[in-house]
Amino acid sequence: MKTLPPRFLIICFDALRPDMVSRETMPNLHRFASEGVSCTRHRAVFPSETRVNQASLVTGCYPQRHGIVGNKFFDPIASPGKLFNTGDETQLQLGDQRLGGNLVEVPVLGELLAEHGLSLATFSSGTPGGARMLNHKAESLGAFRFALHRPDASLPRETVLEMQKQLGPVPEHQIPSLDWLTYSTNAYLNFIEPELHPDVCILWFCEPDNSYHFRGLGSPENLEALHQADLEFGRILDWHRSRKKDQDLQIITLSDHGQLTVCGETINLKEGLEEAGLSVGEPPGNGVDVALTVDSAGGIYVRDSDPELIRFIVDWLQHQPWCGPVLTRTGEHSLKLEMVGLDHPRAPDIALVLKSNDSENEHGILGGCMNNSSFYPVGGGIHGGLHALELQSWMAARGNCFQSGHRSELSSGIVDILPTILHLLDVPVPDHVQGRVLQEIFSESSEISFPEMNIVTHERKGSGNYLARLKVTEVGKHFYLEEGWVDESLK
């Protein structure tokens, strides 16, 4: 009997923390991981934000190479007169046009598949910009891309209208987003699979991210969202088991980052910098000293990238009680952007992470941090920084390409998904890809020797008693971020 070439379903549970997957919270996903293969040391890239990690998922690269350096960043061509917001579908479209199609500076998954006659379909209940980031060349490729937040911007239009005719109108968005999880699953089972039958499909669940953010990690509403996401995943597994002819389908489950609990009063970075004598606005330049993109972490863009001004701000930051790791291009009295794969022309002059801790929230979930934004409530969730629980992410797979009943202890990351899929599809992995093929999880991996893991800790002393550390795991020529911190944690 002829073996069919593999197809792939990638299901992302946005922000899912591995320590919150159990027999009680998500029994289907827990069983899936135990019966298939799980990567227990899977890591996000920094900033641990969604669109940054989505870009890494579909390029196999760190931000230093793909160019999406934050959920917001400064690029005067892509977004004249203001900071560029990757969460906005329209800004992404216009920015890509202004940059001559090079918003993402390396080929994305859809392009690489299309070059070999293979198709990508994406369906997202996440942000409008995130939906586009997963498949942002869909227009030119004629590929299917659907965003629950922006059905009007989804395409191809005829296909979208046919799907909506079958499924009915998009439910009202609520938190927790239970109906959106069901609608997303219905779309995959009742339309994407039978009508489109793509070689690769990315199904992006907005939970538990939404309920983490606005109801809190471990809250009753969040647990309800985890349960519903697991039920919908169980529907997909039941469908797959019932269709013997679809045993070529490989299912990969993952998350793009974790989250921490917002604790303590919101700091006011803008006010503090203004009291230090600086003007704050956007974009930097023309009388504006700095532009900010900082929530619990993010960037500070300095007028003309002035070295003296950068030194002044770094010194000021390191004397603040809420200051965590600071990174700059030169690494003068700070960690270097290069250490985290963020040294790109669009990167901020100063990357800042606010202090975090390992304390429990009111629901017994570990990990908290300070916040510079009032958008997320105290007790809610946030991410973007270098805490271990933000970088640790979920990854488990099942299918005839993968091992069964195996836990891989070798470090891996979201940058490895693209090269792994391309390899299994017999598509050449481009030289620019920074991720590695995860051969250790393949069903035929017993004869392969794997590189050793080495843990490296970078250390930089700053002003006064400031001391920052960054722990990285190296696997051959590849690296994965473990955590970054300063000596005195948030109390």
Foldseek 3Di string as FASTA:
>chain_A
DDDDFFFEEEEAAAQDFPVQDDCPLFVLVVVQCQFFEWAQFAWFFFLLDQLQLLLLLFFLAHCQQQVCQDCWFDDCQLPPWFIQHLLDLVSVVSSCVSVVNRNGPGDTNQVLQVVVPFAEAEEAADGNSSQCSNPVCCVVSVHFTAYLVCLVPTDPPVLSVVLCVVLPRRDDADVVRLSNLVSLLCCVPVPCCPPVVGRYYYRYDCPPVRCQQAVNPQHPSNSVSSHSNSVSVVVVVVVVVVDPVNLSYKYKYKYNWHKAAAADDADAVQVVVVVVPAAEDPDADPRHQWYDDFWQKFAIAGHVLDVVSLQVVQQVLLPDPFWKAKEACVQDLHHHCVVSNNPHPRGHRIITHTFKAQDAAPSGHTIYGHTNDVPGPRNHIDGRAFAQSGTRMIIRMDGQQFGTSYYDHDHAYSSQNSVQVCVSSVRDDDPVNQGHHPLVGTNPNPVPDFADKDKDKDWGHHPDRWIKIWIWIDGPPHIHGRGITIDDGDD
